[in-house]
Amino acid sequence: MREIHFYFDFISPYAWLAFQALPQTLDGIAHRVHYHPVVFGAMLKHHGQLGPAEMPGKRDWTYRQVMWLAKQQGTVLKMPASHPFNSLPLLRMAVATAPNGEPAREVVETIFKHVWCSGLEATDAGRIDELQKKLTQLMQQSQPHFQMNIQSPEIKQNLQQQTQAAIDLDLFGVPSMVVDGQLFWGQDALPMLRAYLEGDAWFDSSDWRDVGNLPVGVRRAP
């Protein structure tokens, strides 16, 4: 059985698209997916980068592209009322549903749909309260005494630790899929992930193995 680690932030439409396409990508392959909520903004800060939605021209292109990709993929995607937004409450909800901070797919899907299937404000206080109630009821089906406190220091620390673990793996964006220590970044990397899992010999070639040794020709001043 292949162990696949899926790193995501609910702020990313590409993560939503990859999440929805992942079951088809993995069809016929014995696998287990570990879902890791991470703070995309903290990853960007660590690497000294701006997010796609923080660059005016790229922002417009990103929104147009994800709408096109959703159409091609057959996935519902409605832009929230504003974007980017503060995804911390949503990430903490996901983390709060599992002792190890790895939420079940049903939990992740519920939160993603809250963001990307309504066209409403993702962080509206009333909607956040309703989502928390919905997730609590969902968890109480198997854990009758389950309660959620997203302001818990333990929950905040767990999310920080998962984010730091992603940074320590040199991950730089979401969605990121890691298997056997190999990174596959982005919704468009799903075909590569499938090929790797099927044993494509290309991943044993120098094209994959040695490209990281390419010398840097010039560095821009910060």
N, C-alpha and C. Protein backbone atom coordinates (compact mmCIF):
# COMPACT_ATOMS: atom_id res chain seq x y z
N MET A 1 0.84 -1.19 0.00
CA MET A 1 0.00 0.00 0.00
C MET A 1 0.88 1.25 0.00
N ARG A 2 0.56 2.19 -0.88
CA ARG A 2 1.34 3.42 -0.98
C ARG A 2 0.80 4.46 -0.01
N GLU A 3 1.72 5.11 0.69
CA GLU A 3 1.37 6.15 1.65
C GLU A 3 1.59 7.50 0.97
N ILE A 4 0.51 8.24 0.79
CA ILE A 4 0.55 9.51 0.07
C ILE A 4 0.16 10.63 1.03
N HIS A 5 0.98 11.66 1.07
CA HIS A 5 0.74 12.78 1.97
C HIS A 5 0.32 14.00 1.14
N PHE A 6 -0.86 14.50 1.43
CA PHE A 6 -1.48 15.60 0.67
C PHE A 6 -1.48 16.84 1.55
N TYR A 7 -0.69 17.84 1.18
CA TYR A 7 -0.57 19.08 1.93
C TYR A 7 -1.41 20.16 1.25
N PHE A 8 -2.22 20.86 2.02
CA PHE A 8 -3.17 21.78 1.42
C PHE A 8 -3.50 22.92 2.36
N ASP A 9 -4.04 23.98 1.77
CA ASP A 9 -4.66 25.08 2.51
C ASP A 9 -5.97 25.38 1.79
N PHE A 10 -7.03 25.59 2.55
CA PHE A 10 -8.34 25.82 1.95
C PHE A 10 -8.40 27.10 1.13
N ILE A 11 -7.42 27.96 1.27
CA ILE A 11 -7.38 29.20 0.51
C ILE A 11 -7.09 28.96 -0.97
N SER A 12 -6.55 27.80 -1.30
CA SER A 12 -6.07 27.53 -2.66
C SER A 12 -7.11 26.83 -3.53
N PRO A 13 -7.55 27.46 -4.62
CA PRO A 13 -8.45 26.77 -5.54
C PRO A 13 -7.78 25.57 -6.22
N TYR A 14 -6.48 25.66 -6.42
CA TYR A 14 -5.78 24.52 -7.01
C TYR A 14 -5.81 23.31 -6.06
N ALA A 15 -5.74 23.57 -4.76
CA ALA A 15 -5.83 22.48 -3.79
C ALA A 15 -7.21 21.83 -3.85
N TRP A 16 -8.25 22.65 -4.00
CA TRP A 16 -9.61 22.10 -4.13
C TRP A 16 -9.73 21.22 -5.37
N LEU A 17 -9.20 21.70 -6.49
CA LEU A 17 -9.27 20.92 -7.73
C LEU A 17 -8.49 19.62 -7.60
N ALA A 18 -7.30 19.68 -7.01
CA ALA A 18 -6.49 18.48 -6.84
C ALA A 18 -7.17 17.51 -5.88
N PHE A 19 -7.74 18.02 -4.82
CA PHE A 19 -8.44 17.18 -3.85
C PHE A 19 -9.56 16.40 -4.53
N GLN A 20 -10.32 17.08 -5.38
CA GLN A 20 -11.42 16.42 -6.06
C GLN A 20 -10.95 15.40 -7.09
N ALA A 21 -9.81 15.67 -7.73
CA ALA A 21 -9.31 14.78 -8.77
C ALA A 21 -8.49 13.62 -8.22
N LEU A 22 -8.08 13.70 -6.97
CA LEU A 22 -7.17 12.70 -6.41
C LEU A 22 -7.73 11.27 -6.45
N PRO A 23 -8.98 11.03 -6.09
CA PRO A 23 -9.49 9.64 -6.15
C PRO A 23 -9.36 9.01 -7.54
N GLN A 24 -9.65 9.79 -8.57
CA GLN A 24 -9.51 9.25 -9.93
C GLN A 24 -8.04 8.99 -10.26
N THR A 25 -7.17 9.88 -9.81
CA THR A 25 -5.74 9.70 -10.04
C THR A 25 -5.23 8.41 -9.42
N LEU A 26 -5.76 8.06 -8.26
CA LEU A 26 -5.28 6.91 -7.50
C LEU A 26 -6.11 5.65 -7.75
N ASP A 27 -7.06 5.72 -8.66
CA ASP A 27 -7.94 4.58 -8.91
C ASP A 27 -7.13 3.34 -9.31
N GLY A 28 -7.40 2.23 -8.63
CA GLY A 28 -6.72 0.98 -8.95
C GLY A 28 -5.40 0.79 -8.24
N ILE A 29 -4.96 1.77 -7.47
CA ILE A 29 -3.69 1.69 -6.74
C ILE A 29 -3.99 1.57 -5.26
N ALA A 30 -3.47 0.55 -4.63
CA ALA A 30 -3.66 0.40 -3.18
C ALA A 30 -2.94 1.55 -2.48
N HIS A 31 -3.68 2.32 -1.71
CA HIS A 31 -3.08 3.52 -1.15
C HIS A 31 -3.80 3.96 0.12
N ARG A 32 -3.13 4.83 0.84
CA ARG A 32 -3.72 5.56 1.96
C ARG A 32 -3.26 7.00 1.86
N VAL A 33 -4.21 7.93 1.92
CA VAL A 33 -3.88 9.34 1.82
C VAL A 33 -3.94 9.96 3.22
N HIS A 34 -2.87 10.68 3.56
CA HIS A 34 -2.81 11.45 4.80
C HIS A 34 -3.03 12.92 4.43
N TYR A 35 -4.04 13.54 5.01
CA TYR A 35 -4.36 14.93 4.70
C TYR A 35 -3.74 15.85 5.74
N HIS A 36 -2.91 16.78 5.27
CA HIS A 36 -2.17 17.67 6.16
C HIS A 36 -2.56 19.13 5.91
N PRO A 37 -3.37 19.74 6.78
CA PRO A 37 -3.63 21.17 6.66
C PRO A 37 -2.36 21.96 7.01
N VAL A 38 -2.04 22.95 6.20
CA VAL A 38 -0.87 23.79 6.45
C VAL A 38 -1.21 25.23 6.12
N VAL A 39 -0.46 26.15 6.70
CA VAL A 39 -0.69 27.59 6.47
C VAL A 39 0.15 28.02 5.27
N PHE A 40 -0.52 28.20 4.13
CA PHE A 40 0.18 28.56 2.91
C PHE A 40 0.94 29.87 3.08
N GLY A 41 0.32 30.84 3.77
CA GLY A 41 0.98 32.13 3.97
C GLY A 41 2.30 32.00 4.71
N ALA A 42 2.37 31.09 5.68
CA ALA A 42 3.61 30.89 6.42
C ALA A 42 4.68 30.28 5.53
N MET A 43 4.27 29.40 4.62
CA MET A 43 5.22 28.81 3.67
C MET A 43 5.76 29.88 2.73
N LEU A 44 4.87 30.74 2.25
CA LEU A 44 5.30 31.82 1.37
C LEU A 44 6.28 32.75 2.09
N LYS A 45 5.96 33.10 3.33
CA LYS A 45 6.84 33.98 4.11
C LYS A 45 8.21 33.35 4.29
N HIS A 46 8.24 32.06 4.58
CA HIS A 46 9.53 31.38 4.78
C HIS A 46 10.39 31.47 3.52
N HIS A 47 9.76 31.36 2.36
CA HIS A 47 10.52 31.36 1.10
C HIS A 47 10.63 32.76 0.50
N GLY A 48 10.09 33.79 1.17
CA GLY A 48 10.20 35.15 0.67
C GLY A 48 9.41 35.38 -0.60
N GLN A 49 8.21 34.80 -0.68
CA GLN A 49 7.41 34.89 -1.90
C GLN A 49 6.05 35.50 -1.62
N LEU A 50 5.43 36.01 -2.68
CA LEU A 50 4.03 36.41 -2.64
C LEU A 50 3.17 35.30 -3.20
N GLY A 51 1.93 35.22 -2.74
CA GLY A 51 1.01 34.25 -3.31
C GLY A 51 0.47 34.73 -4.64
N PRO A 52 -0.06 33.83 -5.47
CA PRO A 52 -0.61 34.22 -6.77
C PRO A 52 -1.66 35.32 -6.67
N ALA A 53 -2.47 35.30 -5.61
CA ALA A 53 -3.54 36.29 -5.47
C ALA A 53 -3.04 37.62 -4.92
N GLU A 54 -1.75 37.73 -4.65
CA GLU A 54 -1.18 38.98 -4.13
C GLU A 54 -0.46 39.77 -5.23
N MET A 55 -0.48 39.27 -6.46
CA MET A 55 0.15 39.94 -7.59
C MET A 55 -0.94 40.26 -8.60
N PRO A 56 -1.26 41.54 -8.84
CA PRO A 56 -2.45 41.92 -9.60
C PRO A 56 -2.66 41.18 -10.92
N GLY A 57 -1.67 41.18 -11.79
CA GLY A 57 -1.84 40.49 -13.06
C GLY A 57 -2.00 38.99 -12.90
N LYS A 58 -1.16 38.42 -12.06
CA LYS A 58 -1.22 36.98 -11.82
C LYS A 58 -2.52 36.59 -11.13
N ARG A 59 -3.02 37.48 -10.28
CA ARG A 59 -4.28 37.23 -9.58
C ARG A 59 -5.41 37.01 -10.59
N ASP A 60 -5.53 37.92 -11.56
CA ASP A 60 -6.59 37.80 -12.57
C ASP A 60 -6.44 36.50 -13.35
N TRP A 61 -5.20 36.20 -13.75
CA TRP A 61 -4.97 34.98 -14.53
C TRP A 61 -5.30 33.74 -13.72
N THR A 62 -4.89 33.73 -12.47
CA THR A 62 -5.14 32.57 -11.61
C THR A 62 -6.63 32.28 -11.53
N TYR A 63 -7.45 33.29 -11.30
CA TYR A 63 -8.89 33.07 -11.18
C TYR A 63 -9.49 32.58 -12.49
N ARG A 64 -9.04 33.14 -13.59
CA ARG A 64 -9.55 32.68 -14.89
C ARG A 64 -9.13 31.22 -15.15
N GLN A 65 -7.87 30.93 -14.83
CA GLN A 65 -7.38 29.58 -15.11
C GLN A 65 -8.10 28.53 -14.26
N VAL A 66 -8.29 28.80 -12.97
CA VAL A 66 -8.93 27.79 -12.12
C VAL A 66 -10.38 27.57 -12.53
N MET A 67 -11.04 28.62 -12.99
CA MET A 67 -12.41 28.44 -13.47
C MET A 67 -12.42 27.55 -14.72
N TRP A 68 -11.43 27.75 -15.58
CA TRP A 68 -11.31 26.91 -16.78
C TRP A 68 -10.99 25.47 -16.40
N LEU A 69 -10.04 25.30 -15.50
CA LEU A 69 -9.66 23.95 -15.07
C LEU A 69 -10.84 23.23 -14.43
N ALA A 70 -11.62 23.96 -13.63
CA ALA A 70 -12.80 23.35 -13.01
C ALA A 70 -13.80 22.90 -14.07
N LYS A 71 -13.98 23.73 -15.09
CA LYS A 71 -14.88 23.38 -16.20
C LYS A 71 -14.39 22.12 -16.91
N GLN A 72 -13.10 22.06 -17.19
CA GLN A 72 -12.54 20.91 -17.88
C GLN A 72 -12.61 19.65 -17.02
N GLN A 73 -12.45 19.82 -15.72
CA GLN A 73 -12.41 18.68 -14.80
C GLN A 73 -13.81 18.23 -14.39
N GLY A 74 -14.80 19.09 -14.58
CA GLY A 74 -16.15 18.77 -14.16
C GLY A 74 -16.35 18.94 -12.67
N THR A 75 -15.61 19.88 -12.07
CA THR A 75 -15.69 20.15 -10.64
C THR A 75 -16.37 21.50 -10.42
N VAL A 76 -17.30 21.54 -9.48
CA VAL A 76 -17.93 22.81 -9.13
C VAL A 76 -16.90 23.73 -8.49
N LEU A 77 -16.80 24.95 -8.98
CA LEU A 77 -15.92 25.95 -8.38
C LEU A 77 -16.56 27.32 -8.56
N LYS A 78 -16.97 27.92 -7.45
CA LYS A 78 -17.51 29.27 -7.44
C LYS A 78 -16.59 30.12 -6.57
N MET A 79 -16.09 31.18 -7.13
CA MET A 79 -15.19 32.03 -6.36
C MET A 79 -15.91 32.56 -5.13
N PRO A 80 -15.26 32.53 -3.96
CA PRO A 80 -15.87 33.12 -2.78
C PRO A 80 -16.03 34.63 -2.96
N ALA A 81 -16.81 35.24 -2.08
CA ALA A 81 -17.12 36.67 -2.23
C ALA A 81 -15.88 37.53 -2.20
N SER A 82 -14.84 37.11 -1.50
CA SER A 82 -13.56 37.81 -1.53
C SER A 82 -12.43 36.79 -1.40
N HIS A 83 -11.30 37.14 -1.99
CA HIS A 83 -10.15 36.25 -1.99
C HIS A 83 -8.91 37.08 -2.30
N PRO A 84 -7.79 36.88 -1.57
CA PRO A 84 -7.59 35.87 -0.52
C PRO A 84 -8.31 36.25 0.77
N PHE A 85 -8.34 35.31 1.69
CA PHE A 85 -9.00 35.52 2.96
C PHE A 85 -8.19 34.81 4.05
N ASN A 86 -8.55 35.04 5.29
CA ASN A 86 -7.85 34.41 6.41
C ASN A 86 -8.39 32.99 6.59
N SER A 87 -7.60 32.02 6.23
CA SER A 87 -8.05 30.62 6.28
C SER A 87 -7.75 29.93 7.61
N LEU A 88 -7.16 30.65 8.57
CA LEU A 88 -6.77 30.01 9.83
C LEU A 88 -7.94 29.33 10.55
N PRO A 89 -9.12 29.95 10.68
CA PRO A 89 -10.21 29.25 11.36
C PRO A 89 -10.58 27.94 10.68
N LEU A 90 -10.55 27.91 9.37
CA LEU A 90 -10.89 26.69 8.63
C LEU A 90 -9.83 25.61 8.84
N LEU A 91 -8.57 26.00 8.80
CA LEU A 91 -7.49 25.05 9.01
C LEU A 91 -7.54 24.47 10.41
N ARG A 92 -7.82 25.34 11.39
CA ARG A 92 -7.90 24.86 12.77
C ARG A 92 -9.07 23.92 12.97
N MET A 93 -10.17 24.16 12.29
CA MET A 93 -11.30 23.23 12.37
C MET A 93 -10.89 21.85 11.87
N ALA A 94 -10.19 21.82 10.75
CA ALA A 94 -9.76 20.54 10.20
C ALA A 94 -8.84 19.81 11.17
N VAL A 95 -7.88 20.53 11.71
CA VAL A 95 -6.93 19.94 12.65
C VAL A 95 -7.65 19.44 13.90
N ALA A 96 -8.66 20.18 14.35
CA ALA A 96 -9.34 19.85 15.60
C ALA A 96 -10.12 18.54 15.54
N THR A 97 -10.37 18.03 14.35
CA THR A 97 -11.17 16.82 14.23
C THR A 97 -10.38 15.53 14.40
N ALA A 98 -9.07 15.62 14.52
CA ALA A 98 -8.25 14.41 14.63
C ALA A 98 -7.13 14.63 15.64
N PRO A 99 -6.89 13.67 16.52
CA PRO A 99 -5.84 13.82 17.53
C PRO A 99 -4.47 14.11 16.94
N ASN A 100 -4.18 13.53 15.77
CA ASN A 100 -2.88 13.74 15.15
C ASN A 100 -2.89 14.89 14.14
N GLY A 101 -4.02 15.59 14.06
CA GLY A 101 -4.10 16.73 13.16
C GLY A 101 -4.31 16.37 11.71
N GLU A 102 -4.55 15.08 11.42
CA GLU A 102 -4.80 14.63 10.05
C GLU A 102 -6.28 14.33 9.88
N PRO A 103 -7.06 15.28 9.37
CA PRO A 103 -8.50 15.09 9.25
C PRO A 103 -8.88 14.03 8.22
N ALA A 104 -10.07 13.48 8.39
CA ALA A 104 -10.59 12.52 7.43
C ALA A 104 -10.99 13.25 6.15
N ARG A 105 -11.04 12.51 5.05
CA ARG A 105 -11.38 13.13 3.77
C ARG A 105 -12.74 13.82 3.83
N GLU A 106 -13.71 13.22 4.52
CA GLU A 106 -15.04 13.82 4.60
C GLU A 106 -15.00 15.19 5.25
N VAL A 107 -14.18 15.34 6.27
CA VAL A 107 -14.02 16.63 6.93
C VAL A 107 -13.41 17.65 5.98
N VAL A 108 -12.34 17.25 5.31
CA VAL A 108 -11.65 18.16 4.38
C VAL A 108 -12.60 18.58 3.26
N GLU A 109 -13.36 17.64 2.74
CA GLU A 109 -14.29 17.95 1.66
C GLU A 109 -15.37 18.93 2.12
N THR A 110 -15.87 18.74 3.33
CA THR A 110 -16.90 19.63 3.86
C THR A 110 -16.40 21.07 3.92
N ILE A 111 -15.17 21.26 4.36
CA ILE A 111 -14.62 22.61 4.48
C ILE A 111 -14.30 23.19 3.11
N PHE A 112 -13.73 22.39 2.24
CA PHE A 112 -13.46 22.87 0.89
C PHE A 112 -14.76 23.34 0.21
N LYS A 113 -15.82 22.57 0.35
CA LYS A 113 -17.10 22.95 -0.28
C LYS A 113 -17.65 24.24 0.32
N HIS A 114 -17.43 24.43 1.61
CA HIS A 114 -17.83 25.68 2.27
C HIS A 114 -17.19 26.87 1.56
N VAL A 115 -15.95 26.71 1.14
CA VAL A 115 -15.22 27.81 0.49
C VAL A 115 -15.55 27.92 -0.99
N TRP A 116 -15.50 26.79 -1.70
CA TRP A 116 -15.44 26.82 -3.15
C TRP A 116 -16.72 26.42 -3.88
N CYS A 117 -17.80 26.18 -3.16
CA CYS A 117 -19.02 25.75 -3.84
C CYS A 117 -20.23 26.64 -3.57
N SER A 118 -20.04 27.73 -2.84
CA SER A 118 -21.19 28.56 -2.48
C SER A 118 -21.17 29.94 -3.11
N GLY A 119 -19.98 30.47 -3.39
CA GLY A 119 -19.87 31.83 -3.87
C GLY A 119 -20.04 32.87 -2.78
N LEU A 120 -20.08 32.43 -1.53
CA LEU A 120 -20.29 33.32 -0.39
C LEU A 120 -18.97 33.64 0.30
N GLU A 121 -19.03 34.53 1.28
CA GLU A 121 -17.84 34.90 2.03
C GLU A 121 -17.38 33.71 2.88
N ALA A 122 -16.16 33.27 2.66
CA ALA A 122 -15.66 32.06 3.34
C ALA A 122 -15.52 32.26 4.84
N THR A 123 -15.24 33.50 5.26
CA THR A 123 -14.97 33.75 6.68
C THR A 123 -16.09 34.52 7.36
N ASP A 124 -17.26 34.58 6.75
CA ASP A 124 -18.41 35.19 7.41
C ASP A 124 -18.64 34.52 8.76
N ALA A 125 -18.80 35.31 9.81
CA ALA A 125 -18.88 34.76 11.17
C ALA A 125 -20.03 33.77 11.32
N GLY A 126 -21.18 34.10 10.76
CA GLY A 126 -22.32 33.19 10.85
C GLY A 126 -22.07 31.88 10.13
N ARG A 127 -21.46 31.96 8.96
CA ARG A 127 -21.16 30.74 8.20
C ARG A 127 -20.10 29.90 8.91
N ILE A 128 -19.13 30.56 9.52
CA ILE A 128 -18.10 29.83 10.27
C ILE A 128 -18.74 29.08 11.43
N ASP A 129 -19.66 29.73 12.13
CA ASP A 129 -20.34 29.06 13.25
C ASP A 129 -21.13 27.85 12.76
N GLU A 130 -21.83 28.02 11.65
CA GLU A 130 -22.61 26.90 11.10
C GLU A 130 -21.72 25.76 10.66
N LEU A 131 -20.59 26.09 10.07
CA LEU A 131 -19.65 25.05 9.64
C LEU A 131 -19.11 24.30 10.84
N GLN A 132 -18.77 25.02 11.89
CA GLN A 132 -18.25 24.36 13.09
C GLN A 132 -19.30 23.43 13.69
N LYS A 133 -20.55 23.85 13.70
CA LYS A 133 -21.63 22.99 14.20
C LYS A 133 -21.78 21.75 13.32
N LYS A 134 -21.68 21.95 12.01
CA LYS A 134 -21.82 20.83 11.08
C LYS A 134 -20.71 19.81 11.28
N LEU A 135 -19.49 20.29 11.44
CA LEU A 135 -18.36 19.39 11.65
C LEU A 135 -18.46 18.69 13.00
N THR A 136 -18.93 19.40 14.00
CA THR A 136 -19.09 18.79 15.33
C THR A 136 -20.11 17.67 15.27
N GLN A 137 -21.24 17.90 14.60
CA GLN A 137 -22.25 16.86 14.44
C GLN A 137 -21.71 15.68 13.66
N LEU A 138 -20.92 15.95 12.65
CA LEU A 138 -20.32 14.88 11.86
C LEU A 138 -19.41 14.02 12.72
N MET A 139 -18.58 14.66 13.53
CA MET A 139 -17.66 13.92 14.38
C MET A 139 -18.39 13.17 15.49
N GLN A 140 -19.50 13.71 15.96
CA GLN A 140 -20.23 13.07 17.05
C GLN A 140 -20.92 11.79 16.63
N GLN A 141 -21.00 11.53 15.33
CA GLN A 141 -21.55 10.26 14.86
C GLN A 141 -20.69 9.09 15.31
N SER A 142 -19.39 9.32 15.39
CA SER A 142 -18.47 8.26 15.83
C SER A 142 -17.87 8.55 17.21
N GLN A 143 -17.91 9.82 17.62
CA GLN A 143 -17.37 10.23 18.93
C GLN A 143 -18.44 11.09 19.62
N PRO A 144 -19.39 10.46 20.31
CA PRO A 144 -20.55 11.19 20.87
C PRO A 144 -20.20 12.39 21.73
N HIS A 145 -19.06 12.38 22.37
CA HIS A 145 -18.70 13.46 23.27
C HIS A 145 -17.76 14.49 22.64
N PHE A 146 -17.61 14.42 21.34
CA PHE A 146 -16.68 15.32 20.66
C PHE A 146 -17.14 16.78 20.78
N GLN A 147 -16.21 17.67 21.11
CA GLN A 147 -16.44 19.11 21.11
C GLN A 147 -15.26 19.77 20.42
N MET A 148 -15.51 20.91 19.79
CA MET A 148 -14.46 21.59 19.03
C MET A 148 -14.18 22.97 19.62
N ASN A 149 -12.91 23.24 19.85
CA ASN A 149 -12.47 24.56 20.31
C ASN A 149 -11.27 24.97 19.47
N ILE A 150 -11.55 25.76 18.44
CA ILE A 150 -10.46 26.09 17.50
C ILE A 150 -9.51 27.14 18.08
N GLN A 151 -9.84 27.68 19.23
CA GLN A 151 -8.92 28.61 19.91
C GLN A 151 -8.01 27.89 20.89
N SER A 152 -8.14 26.58 20.97
CA SER A 152 -7.30 25.80 21.88
C SER A 152 -5.82 25.97 21.52
N PRO A 153 -4.96 26.21 22.51
CA PRO A 153 -3.52 26.31 22.23
C PRO A 153 -2.97 25.05 21.56
N GLU A 154 -3.53 23.90 21.94
CA GLU A 154 -3.06 22.64 21.35
C GLU A 154 -3.36 22.58 19.86
N ILE A 155 -4.55 23.05 19.48
CA ILE A 155 -4.93 23.05 18.07
C ILE A 155 -4.05 24.00 17.28
N LYS A 156 -3.83 25.18 17.81
CA LYS A 156 -2.96 26.15 17.14
C LYS A 156 -1.55 25.61 16.99
N GLN A 157 -1.04 24.98 18.04
CA GLN A 157 0.31 24.43 17.99
C GLN A 157 0.41 23.29 16.98
N ASN A 158 -0.62 22.46 16.93
CA ASN A 158 -0.62 21.34 15.99
C ASN A 158 -0.54 21.85 14.56
N LEU A 159 -1.31 22.89 14.25
CA LEU A 159 -1.28 23.45 12.90
C LEU A 159 0.09 24.06 12.60
N GLN A 160 0.66 24.75 13.56
CA GLN A 160 1.99 25.32 13.38
C GLN A 160 3.02 24.23 13.13
N GLN A 161 2.91 23.13 13.87
CA GLN A 161 3.87 22.03 13.72
C GLN A 161 3.74 21.38 12.35
N GLN A 162 2.52 21.20 11.89
CA GLN A 162 2.33 20.60 10.56
C GLN A 162 2.87 21.51 9.47
N THR A 163 2.67 22.81 9.66
CA THR A 163 3.20 23.76 8.67
C THR A 163 4.72 23.74 8.67
N GLN A 164 5.31 23.71 9.86
CA GLN A 164 6.77 23.67 9.95
C GLN A 164 7.31 22.38 9.38
N ALA A 165 6.60 21.28 9.59
CA ALA A 165 7.03 20.00 9.02
C ALA A 165 7.05 20.07 7.50
N ALA A 166 6.06 20.75 6.91
CA ALA A 166 6.03 20.92 5.46
C ALA A 166 7.21 21.78 5.00
N ILE A 167 7.50 22.83 5.72
CA ILE A 167 8.64 23.68 5.38
C ILE A 167 9.94 22.90 5.50
N ASP A 168 10.05 22.07 6.52
CA ASP A 168 11.25 21.25 6.71
C ASP A 168 11.45 20.25 5.57
N LEU A 169 10.36 19.90 4.90
CA LEU A 169 10.44 19.02 3.74
C LEU A 169 10.75 19.79 2.46
N ASP A 170 10.99 21.11 2.61
CA ASP A 170 11.25 22.00 1.48
C ASP A 170 10.03 22.17 0.58
N LEU A 171 8.84 21.98 1.13
CA LEU A 171 7.64 22.25 0.35
C LEU A 171 7.46 23.76 0.24
N PHE A 172 6.98 24.21 -0.89
CA PHE A 172 6.90 25.64 -1.15
C PHE A 172 5.53 26.09 -1.61
N GLY A 173 4.61 25.16 -1.79
CA GLY A 173 3.29 25.53 -2.27
C GLY A 173 2.27 24.46 -2.00
N VAL A 174 1.01 24.81 -2.29
CA VAL A 174 -0.09 23.87 -2.15
C VAL A 174 -0.91 23.86 -3.44
N PRO A 175 -1.45 22.70 -3.78
CA PRO A 175 -1.29 21.42 -3.08
C PRO A 175 0.06 20.78 -3.37
N SER A 176 0.56 20.05 -2.39
CA SER A 176 1.77 19.24 -2.58
C SER A 176 1.45 17.81 -2.18
N MET A 177 1.87 16.88 -3.01
CA MET A 177 1.72 15.46 -2.73
C MET A 177 3.10 14.86 -2.57
N VAL A 178 3.30 14.15 -1.48
CA VAL A 178 4.60 13.54 -1.21
C VAL A 178 4.40 12.04 -1.04
N VAL A 179 5.20 11.26 -1.77
CA VAL A 179 5.18 9.80 -1.65
C VAL A 179 6.61 9.31 -1.80
N ASP A 180 7.02 8.42 -0.94
CA ASP A 180 8.40 7.90 -0.95
C ASP A 180 9.43 9.03 -0.87
N GLY A 181 9.06 10.13 -0.24
CA GLY A 181 9.96 11.26 -0.15
C GLY A 181 10.04 12.10 -1.41
N GLN A 182 9.25 11.77 -2.42
CA GLN A 182 9.25 12.50 -3.68
C GLN A 182 8.10 13.51 -3.69
N LEU A 183 8.37 14.72 -4.15
CA LEU A 183 7.38 15.79 -4.17
C LEU A 183 6.73 15.91 -5.54
N PHE A 184 5.41 16.07 -5.51
CA PHE A 184 4.63 16.38 -6.71
C PHE A 184 3.78 17.60 -6.35
N TRP A 185 4.08 18.74 -7.00
CA TRP A 185 3.45 20.00 -6.62
C TRP A 185 2.42 20.43 -7.65
N GLY A 186 1.26 20.76 -7.17
CA GLY A 186 0.25 21.38 -8.02
C GLY A 186 -0.77 20.41 -8.59
N GLN A 187 -1.91 20.97 -8.90
CA GLN A 187 -2.99 20.17 -9.50
C GLN A 187 -2.54 19.54 -10.81
N ASP A 188 -1.69 20.22 -11.56
CA ASP A 188 -1.24 19.71 -12.84
C ASP A 188 -0.19 18.62 -12.72
N ALA A 189 0.26 18.33 -11.48
CA ALA A 189 1.24 17.25 -11.27
C ALA A 189 0.56 15.90 -11.02
N LEU A 190 -0.75 15.86 -10.99
CA LEU A 190 -1.43 14.59 -10.73
C LEU A 190 -1.09 13.50 -11.76
N PRO A 191 -1.01 13.81 -13.06
CA PRO A 191 -0.60 12.77 -14.00
C PRO A 191 0.81 12.25 -13.72
N MET A 192 1.71 13.12 -13.28
CA MET A 192 3.06 12.69 -12.91
C MET A 192 3.00 11.76 -11.71
N LEU A 193 2.19 12.12 -10.73
CA LEU A 193 2.03 11.27 -9.55
C LEU A 193 1.54 9.90 -9.94
N ARG A 194 0.56 9.84 -10.82
CA ARG A 194 0.02 8.56 -11.28
C ARG A 194 1.11 7.74 -11.97
N ALA A 195 1.86 8.38 -12.83
CA ALA A 195 2.92 7.67 -13.55
C ALA A 195 3.96 7.12 -12.59
N TYR A 196 4.32 7.91 -11.60
CA TYR A 196 5.30 7.46 -10.61
C TYR A 196 4.79 6.24 -9.86
N LEU A 197 3.54 6.29 -9.44
CA LEU A 197 2.96 5.19 -8.67
C LEU A 197 2.84 3.92 -9.52
N GLU A 198 2.72 4.10 -10.82
CA GLU A 198 2.64 2.95 -11.73
C GLU A 198 4.01 2.41 -12.10
N GLY A 199 5.07 3.05 -11.61
CA GLY A 199 6.42 2.54 -11.84
C GLY A 199 7.06 2.99 -13.13
N ASP A 200 6.67 4.14 -13.64
CA ASP A 200 7.28 4.67 -14.87
C ASP A 200 8.80 4.77 -14.69
N ALA A 201 9.54 4.17 -15.61
CA ALA A 201 11.01 4.13 -15.51
C ALA A 201 11.63 5.51 -15.63
N TRP A 202 10.90 6.50 -16.18
CA TRP A 202 11.45 7.84 -16.33
C TRP A 202 11.90 8.41 -15.00
N PHE A 203 11.25 8.01 -13.92
CA PHE A 203 11.60 8.56 -12.61
C PHE A 203 12.91 7.99 -12.07
N ASP A 204 13.49 7.04 -12.78
CA ASP A 204 14.82 6.54 -12.44
C ASP A 204 15.89 7.15 -13.33
N SER A 205 15.48 8.03 -14.24
CA SER A 205 16.42 8.62 -15.19
C SER A 205 17.05 9.88 -14.61
N SER A 206 18.09 10.37 -15.30
CA SER A 206 18.76 11.58 -14.86
C SER A 206 17.86 12.80 -15.01
N ASP A 207 16.89 12.73 -15.94
CA ASP A 207 15.98 13.86 -16.11
C ASP A 207 15.24 14.18 -14.82
N TRP A 208 14.92 13.15 -14.05
CA TRP A 208 14.24 13.35 -12.77
C TRP A 208 15.26 13.46 -11.63
N ARG A 209 16.27 12.61 -11.67
CA ARG A 209 17.16 12.44 -10.53
C ARG A 209 18.17 13.58 -10.39
N ASP A 210 18.72 14.08 -11.50
CA ASP A 210 19.88 14.96 -11.42
C ASP A 210 19.60 16.43 -11.73
N VAL A 211 18.37 16.76 -12.09
CA VAL A 211 18.09 18.13 -12.53
C VAL A 211 18.34 19.13 -11.40
N GLY A 212 18.22 18.69 -10.15
CA GLY A 212 18.47 19.59 -9.03
C GLY A 212 19.91 20.01 -8.89
N ASN A 213 20.81 19.35 -9.62
CA ASN A 213 22.24 19.70 -9.57
C ASN A 213 22.62 20.76 -10.59
N LEU A 214 21.65 21.25 -11.36
CA LEU A 214 21.95 22.25 -12.39
C LEU A 214 22.49 23.52 -11.74
N PRO A 215 23.65 24.00 -12.18
CA PRO A 215 24.24 25.21 -11.56
C PRO A 215 23.35 26.44 -11.77
N VAL A 216 23.40 27.36 -10.81
CA VAL A 216 22.69 28.63 -10.92
C VAL A 216 23.56 29.62 -11.70
N GLY A 217 23.01 30.20 -12.76
CA GLY A 217 23.79 31.10 -13.59
C GLY A 217 23.86 32.52 -13.08
N VAL A 218 22.78 33.01 -12.47
CA VAL A 218 22.75 34.37 -11.96
C VAL A 218 21.72 34.43 -10.83
N ARG A 219 21.98 35.26 -9.85
CA ARG A 219 21.04 35.47 -8.75
C ARG A 219 20.64 36.95 -8.72
N ARG A 220 19.36 37.23 -8.62
CA ARG A 220 18.90 38.60 -8.50
C ARG A 220 19.10 39.10 -7.07
N ALA A 221 19.43 40.35 -6.94
CA ALA A 221 19.59 40.95 -5.62
C ALA A 221 18.21 41.02 -4.94
N PRO A 222 18.12 40.80 -3.63
CA PRO A 222 16.84 40.89 -2.94
C PRO A 222 16.31 42.34 -2.93
